[in-house]
Amino acid sequence: MKHTDDLFAAALAAELGPDPAGLTATSVFWIHHGTRLTGGGVTYLNQYVLVRVGAAFGGCAFEAGEIDPAVCRDRSGSPLDALLREGPRPLRIAALDAYLASVRPHDADTVTLPAGPPEVRARARDEAIAGLLDIEAGAKVALIGVVNPLVAAIRERGGVPLPCDFNLRATQWGDPVTTDMEEVLAAADAVVATGMTLGNGSFDTLLERCRAREAPLIVYAQSGSAVAREFLGHGVSALSAEPFPFSQFSAEPTRLHRYRADPSRLRPAPARLRTTPASRS
């Protein structure tokens, strides 16, 4: 697949699994969630739209005001192909995510996040994500979608984070955060990006830039984790896939799945950087 539009087209043509016209989005629901970790000065506000297809859930974060809660009433019980064809992009991504997760459930290197308070679980999650990076000291890492523990985890591995976010102006340590994705991509040796880029439409740009520069792209995805998986080896070097229910909604152990692209399908990475060899459980 070259772009996400190709993936939508393939799904609608029943090239990836059963015809979505014969499947039902049993439940469409909406979550507005806020978190401020102990000792932090930032309250993270997130909105998610989620779609259930059979035993699988798909989800995508969206910006405030982009989707109305009435979507739950209007779209629950819809044929899945209708959700894939029309509506706000985050809803379409959530529907595609549910479809792909139902066709092929996540099965990779599984990391169990420990039970406990949000600070413990967030730290474990971000360390697992950063573990997908194999970088040399001084490597510049564009962070598209800033989470403070990830900034710290990149630094601990010798990297220099280049933070970019639409809703944050500074990290916990005062580092300036730009809203210009092109600025950090131009300087980066590697890129770590949130799955929310699928919902806001910037994911295809990330793919193009990383392919052109042969730069590793690591995606950490609650949004569209099964969607991002389709691009492993085709622009995405590694993926931390965290399907619903997400870690912040539970104090009990939950799992995320770490994928690494098959090196035979990857173009060579720059000499300064390399991705960790393929590993599947």
Protein backbone atom coordinates (compact mmCIF):
# COMPACT_ATOMS: atom_id res chain seq x y z
CA MET A 1 0.00 0.00 0.00
CA LYS A 2 1.29 3.46 -0.86
CA HIS A 3 -1.21 5.63 1.03
CA THR A 4 -4.16 5.21 3.38
CA ASP A 5 -6.59 5.89 0.52
CA ASP A 6 -5.24 2.74 -1.16
CA LEU A 7 -6.00 0.82 2.00
CA PHE A 8 -9.59 2.10 2.13
CA ALA A 9 -10.05 1.12 -1.52
CA ALA A 10 -8.64 -2.37 -0.95
CA ALA A 11 -10.89 -2.94 2.06
CA LEU A 12 -14.00 -1.79 0.19
CA ALA A 13 -13.09 -4.09 -2.72
CA ALA A 14 -12.89 -7.03 -0.28
CA GLU A 15 -9.21 -7.54 -1.17
CA LEU A 16 -8.12 -7.75 2.47
CA GLY A 17 -10.89 -9.90 3.89
CA PRO A 18 -14.67 -10.30 3.76
CA ASP A 19 -16.81 -7.71 2.00
CA PRO A 20 -17.41 -4.94 4.58
CA ALA A 21 -20.88 -4.45 3.09
CA GLY A 22 -21.81 -7.71 4.82
CA LEU A 23 -20.46 -6.63 8.21
CA THR A 24 -22.08 -4.43 10.83
CA ALA A 25 -20.60 -1.74 13.03
CA THR A 26 -22.41 -3.07 16.09
CA SER A 27 -21.36 -0.19 18.30
CA VAL A 28 -19.99 3.27 17.67
CA PHE A 29 -18.99 5.17 20.81
CA TRP A 30 -17.24 8.34 21.87
CA ILE A 31 -14.85 9.01 24.77
CA HIS A 32 -13.64 12.36 26.13
CA HIS A 33 -10.74 11.76 28.47
CA GLY A 34 -8.42 13.95 30.53
CA THR A 35 -5.20 13.01 32.34
CA ARG A 36 -2.65 14.90 34.42
CA LEU A 37 0.15 12.69 35.73
CA THR A 38 1.43 13.33 39.26
CA GLY A 39 4.13 15.99 39.18
CA GLY A 40 3.26 17.01 35.63
CA GLY A 41 2.15 20.44 34.56
CA VAL A 42 0.17 19.36 31.52
CA THR A 43 -3.38 18.06 31.35
CA TYR A 44 -3.75 15.81 28.32
CA LEU A 45 -7.22 16.06 26.81
CA ASN A 46 -8.14 13.40 24.28
CA GLN A 47 -11.26 12.50 22.35
CA TYR A 48 -11.68 9.08 20.76
CA VAL A 49 -14.25 7.61 18.44
CA LEU A 50 -14.45 3.82 18.56
CA VAL A 51 -16.12 1.21 16.36
CA ARG A 52 -16.86 -2.40 17.22
CA VAL A 53 -17.03 -5.09 14.54
CA GLY A 54 -17.69 -8.51 16.02
CA ALA A 55 -15.00 -9.20 18.61
CA ALA A 56 -12.71 -6.40 17.39
CA PHE A 57 -12.56 -2.73 18.32
CA GLY A 58 -11.08 0.07 16.24
CA GLY A 59 -10.34 3.55 17.47
CA CYS A 60 -9.03 6.94 16.46
CA ALA A 61 -8.37 10.14 18.39
CA PHE A 62 -9.72 13.39 17.02
CA GLU A 63 -9.52 17.11 17.71
CA ALA A 64 -12.10 18.82 19.93
CA GLY A 65 -15.29 19.63 18.02
CA GLU A 66 -14.41 17.45 15.04
CA ILE A 67 -17.00 14.78 15.87
CA ASP A 68 -20.25 15.17 17.79
CA PRO A 69 -21.37 12.54 20.35
CA ALA A 70 -24.51 12.10 18.21
CA VAL A 71 -22.35 9.85 16.03
CA CYS A 72 -23.03 7.11 18.60
CA ARG A 73 -26.77 7.25 17.90
CA ASP A 74 -26.53 7.84 14.17
CA ARG A 75 -23.87 5.30 13.21
CA SER A 76 -24.27 2.34 15.58
CA GLY A 77 -25.67 -0.59 13.63
CA SER A 78 -24.56 0.79 10.26
CA PRO A 79 -23.15 -1.45 7.52
CA LEU A 80 -19.39 -1.22 7.86
CA ASP A 81 -18.84 -0.18 4.26
CA ALA A 82 -20.90 2.97 4.88
CA LEU A 83 -18.51 4.02 7.66
CA LEU A 84 -15.50 3.32 5.46
CA ARG A 85 -16.87 5.45 2.61
CA GLU A 86 -18.14 8.59 4.30
CA GLY A 87 -18.04 10.68 7.44
CA PRO A 88 -15.28 12.41 9.41
CA ARG A 89 -11.85 10.93 8.74
CA PRO A 90 -11.29 9.73 12.34
CA LEU A 91 -14.54 7.75 12.15
CA ARG A 92 -13.45 6.18 8.86
CA ILE A 93 -10.04 5.31 10.37
CA ALA A 94 -11.72 3.75 13.43
CA ALA A 95 -13.94 1.66 11.15
CA LEU A 96 -10.97 0.55 9.05
CA ASP A 97 -9.01 -0.25 12.21
CA ALA A 98 -11.86 -2.45 13.50
CA TYR A 99 -12.15 -4.19 10.13
CA LEU A 100 -8.43 -4.99 9.89
CA ALA A 101 -8.27 -6.09 13.54
CA SER A 102 -11.19 -8.43 12.95
CA VAL A 103 -9.54 -9.90 9.86
CA ARG A 104 -6.16 -10.32 11.57
CA PRO A 105 -6.01 -9.90 15.34
CA HIS A 106 -2.80 -8.46 16.73
CA ASP A 107 -0.10 -11.09 17.21
CA ALA A 108 3.45 -9.84 17.79
CA ASP A 109 6.05 -9.29 20.49
CA THR A 110 3.64 -8.74 23.39
CA VAL A 111 4.52 -6.42 26.26
CA THR A 112 2.33 -6.58 29.35
CA LEU A 113 1.97 -3.23 31.06
CA PRO A 114 1.95 -3.68 34.84
CA ALA A 115 -0.99 -3.03 37.11
CA GLY A 116 -0.75 0.20 39.01
CA PRO A 117 -1.26 3.96 38.90
CA PRO A 118 -1.15 5.94 35.65
CA GLU A 119 2.44 7.11 36.20
CA VAL A 120 3.74 3.53 36.41
CA ARG A 121 1.77 2.34 33.41
CA ALA A 122 2.64 5.38 31.26
CA ARG A 123 6.34 4.95 32.02
CA ALA A 124 6.24 1.25 31.09
CA ARG A 125 4.34 2.00 27.88
CA ASP A 126 6.74 4.72 26.75
CA GLU A 127 9.81 2.65 27.57
CA ALA A 128 8.38 -0.16 25.44
CA ILE A 129 7.85 2.29 22.57
CA ALA A 130 11.33 3.80 22.89
CA GLY A 131 12.73 0.28 22.89
CA LEU A 132 11.85 0.07 19.21
CA LEU A 133 14.48 2.75 18.52
CA ASP A 134 18.11 1.68 18.05
CA ILE A 135 19.99 4.96 17.81
CA GLU A 136 23.50 6.27 18.21
CA ALA A 137 24.32 9.12 20.56
CA GLY A 138 23.31 12.47 19.15
CA ALA A 139 20.73 11.14 16.69
CA LYS A 140 17.90 13.60 16.13
CA VAL A 141 14.48 12.05 16.64
CA ALA A 142 11.36 13.90 15.46
CA LEU A 143 8.55 13.26 17.94
CA ILE A 144 5.23 13.88 16.22
CA GLY A 145 2.69 14.02 19.04
CA VAL A 146 4.46 14.90 22.27
CA VAL A 147 4.21 12.74 25.38
CA ASN A 148 6.64 13.83 28.09
CA PRO A 149 7.74 10.31 29.19
CA LEU A 150 8.64 9.59 25.55
CA VAL A 151 10.78 12.71 25.42
CA ALA A 152 12.62 11.41 28.48
CA ALA A 153 12.94 7.88 27.06
CA ILE A 154 14.49 9.18 23.83
CA ARG A 155 17.01 11.24 25.81
CA GLU A 156 17.91 8.25 27.98
CA ARG A 157 18.89 6.42 24.78
CA GLY A 158 21.18 9.24 23.71
CA GLY A 159 18.78 10.80 21.23
CA VAL A 160 17.95 14.45 20.74
CA PRO A 161 14.15 14.84 20.64
CA LEU A 162 12.64 17.30 18.16
CA PRO A 163 9.11 17.71 19.56
CA CYS A 164 6.14 18.65 17.37
CA ASP A 165 2.54 18.91 18.51
CA PHE A 166 -0.53 20.96 17.57
CA ASN A 167 -1.70 21.39 21.17
CA LEU A 168 1.45 21.71 23.30
CA ARG A 169 3.90 24.61 23.40
CA ALA A 170 6.63 23.23 25.68
CA THR A 171 7.69 19.91 27.17
CA GLN A 172 7.79 19.27 30.91
CA TRP A 173 11.44 20.45 30.86
CA GLY A 174 10.75 23.63 28.92
CA ASP A 175 11.82 22.43 25.47
CA PRO A 176 9.97 24.43 22.79
CA VAL A 177 7.42 22.41 20.81
CA THR A 178 6.85 23.41 17.20
CA THR A 179 3.60 23.01 15.30
CA ASP A 180 5.51 22.72 11.99
CA MET A 181 5.94 19.04 11.18
CA GLU A 182 8.03 19.78 8.09
CA GLU A 183 10.55 21.65 10.25
CA VAL A 184 11.37 18.64 12.43
CA LEU A 185 11.16 16.10 9.59
CA ALA A 186 13.81 18.02 7.64
CA ALA A 187 16.27 17.75 10.54
CA ALA A 188 15.45 14.26 11.83
CA ASP A 189 17.49 11.08 11.56
CA ALA A 190 14.47 9.06 12.72
CA VAL A 191 10.80 9.76 13.37
CA VAL A 192 8.51 8.61 16.19
CA ALA A 193 4.87 9.45 15.47
CA THR A 194 1.53 8.89 17.14
CA GLY A 195 -1.28 7.03 15.41
CA MET A 196 -3.33 10.22 15.66
CA THR A 197 -1.52 11.26 12.46
CA LEU A 198 -3.85 8.80 10.72
CA GLY A 199 -6.85 10.76 11.92
CA ASN A 200 -5.60 14.22 11.03
CA GLY A 201 -4.33 13.20 7.60
CA SER A 202 -0.62 13.78 8.14
CA PHE A 203 0.33 10.08 8.16
CA ASP A 204 0.69 9.88 4.37
CA THR A 205 3.07 12.85 4.44
CA LEU A 206 5.17 11.10 7.09
CA LEU A 207 5.32 7.98 4.93
CA GLU A 208 6.46 9.96 1.89
CA ARG A 209 9.13 11.90 3.75
CA CYS A 210 10.55 8.87 5.53
CA ARG A 211 10.58 6.78 2.36
CA ALA A 212 12.35 9.54 0.44
CA ARG A 213 15.00 10.03 3.14
CA GLU A 214 15.25 6.33 4.06
CA ALA A 215 14.67 7.36 7.66
CA PRO A 216 13.18 4.92 10.19
CA LEU A 217 9.55 5.67 11.11
CA ILE A 218 8.32 4.24 14.41
CA VAL A 219 4.59 4.57 15.07
CA TYR A 220 3.05 4.35 18.52
CA ALA A 221 -0.60 3.75 17.94
CA GLN A 222 -3.69 3.58 20.01
CA SER A 223 -5.41 5.26 17.06
CA GLY A 224 -5.47 3.01 14.03
CA SER A 225 -3.01 0.40 15.31
CA ALA A 226 -4.15 -2.22 12.78
CA VAL A 227 -4.14 0.42 10.01
CA ALA A 228 -0.53 1.42 10.69
CA ARG A 229 0.42 -2.28 10.72
CA GLU A 230 -0.43 -2.50 7.01
CA PHE A 231 2.50 -0.18 6.24
CA LEU A 232 5.21 -2.20 7.99
CA GLY A 233 8.07 -2.47 5.53
CA HIS A 234 6.45 0.13 3.30
CA GLY A 235 7.51 3.25 5.15
CA VAL A 236 6.88 2.09 8.73
CA SER A 237 9.91 0.49 10.35
CA ALA A 238 8.36 -0.47 13.68
CA LEU A 239 5.03 -0.22 15.45
CA SER A 240 3.76 -0.23 19.00
CA ALA A 241 0.13 -1.29 18.62
CA GLU A 242 -2.14 -0.77 21.61
CA PRO A 243 -5.70 -1.81 20.79
CA PHE A 244 -8.72 -0.80 22.87
CA PRO A 245 -9.15 -0.83 25.86
CA PHE A 246 -6.21 1.55 26.12
CA SER A 247 -3.83 1.54 29.08
CA GLN A 248 -5.12 4.81 30.54
CA PHE A 249 -8.60 3.34 31.01
CA SER A 250 -7.50 0.55 33.34
CA ALA A 251 -5.36 -0.04 36.42
CA GLU A 252 -5.07 -3.74 35.59
CA PRO A 253 -2.40 -5.36 33.37
CA THR A 254 -2.97 -4.68 29.66
CA ARG A 255 -1.00 -5.56 26.55
CA LEU A 256 0.59 -3.78 23.67
CA HIS A 257 2.10 -5.47 20.62
CA ARG A 258 5.45 -4.49 19.13
CA TYR A 259 6.09 -5.14 15.47
CA ARG A 260 9.31 -4.72 13.54
CA ALA A 261 9.37 -4.72 9.77
CA ASP A 262 10.94 -7.61 7.93
CA PRO A 263 14.40 -6.24 6.99
CA SER A 264 14.12 -7.82 3.53
CA ARG A 265 11.21 -5.45 2.79
CA LEU A 266 12.95 -2.34 4.11
CA ARG A 267 15.15 0.03 2.17
CA PRO A 268 18.54 0.48 3.91
CA ALA A 269 18.53 2.86 6.86
CA PRO A 270 21.16 5.61 7.08
CA ALA A 271 24.51 4.55 8.50
CA ARG A 272 23.88 6.53 11.70
CA LEU A 273 20.65 4.74 12.42
CA ARG A 274 19.25 1.28 12.07
CA THR A 275 16.09 -0.48 13.18
CA THR A 276 16.24 -3.48 15.46
CA PRO A 277 16.18 -6.82 13.57
CA ALA A 278 12.81 -8.46 13.06
CA SER A 279 11.40 -10.28 16.06
CA ARG A 280 8.04 -11.96 16.38
CA SER A 281 6.75 -13.99 19.29
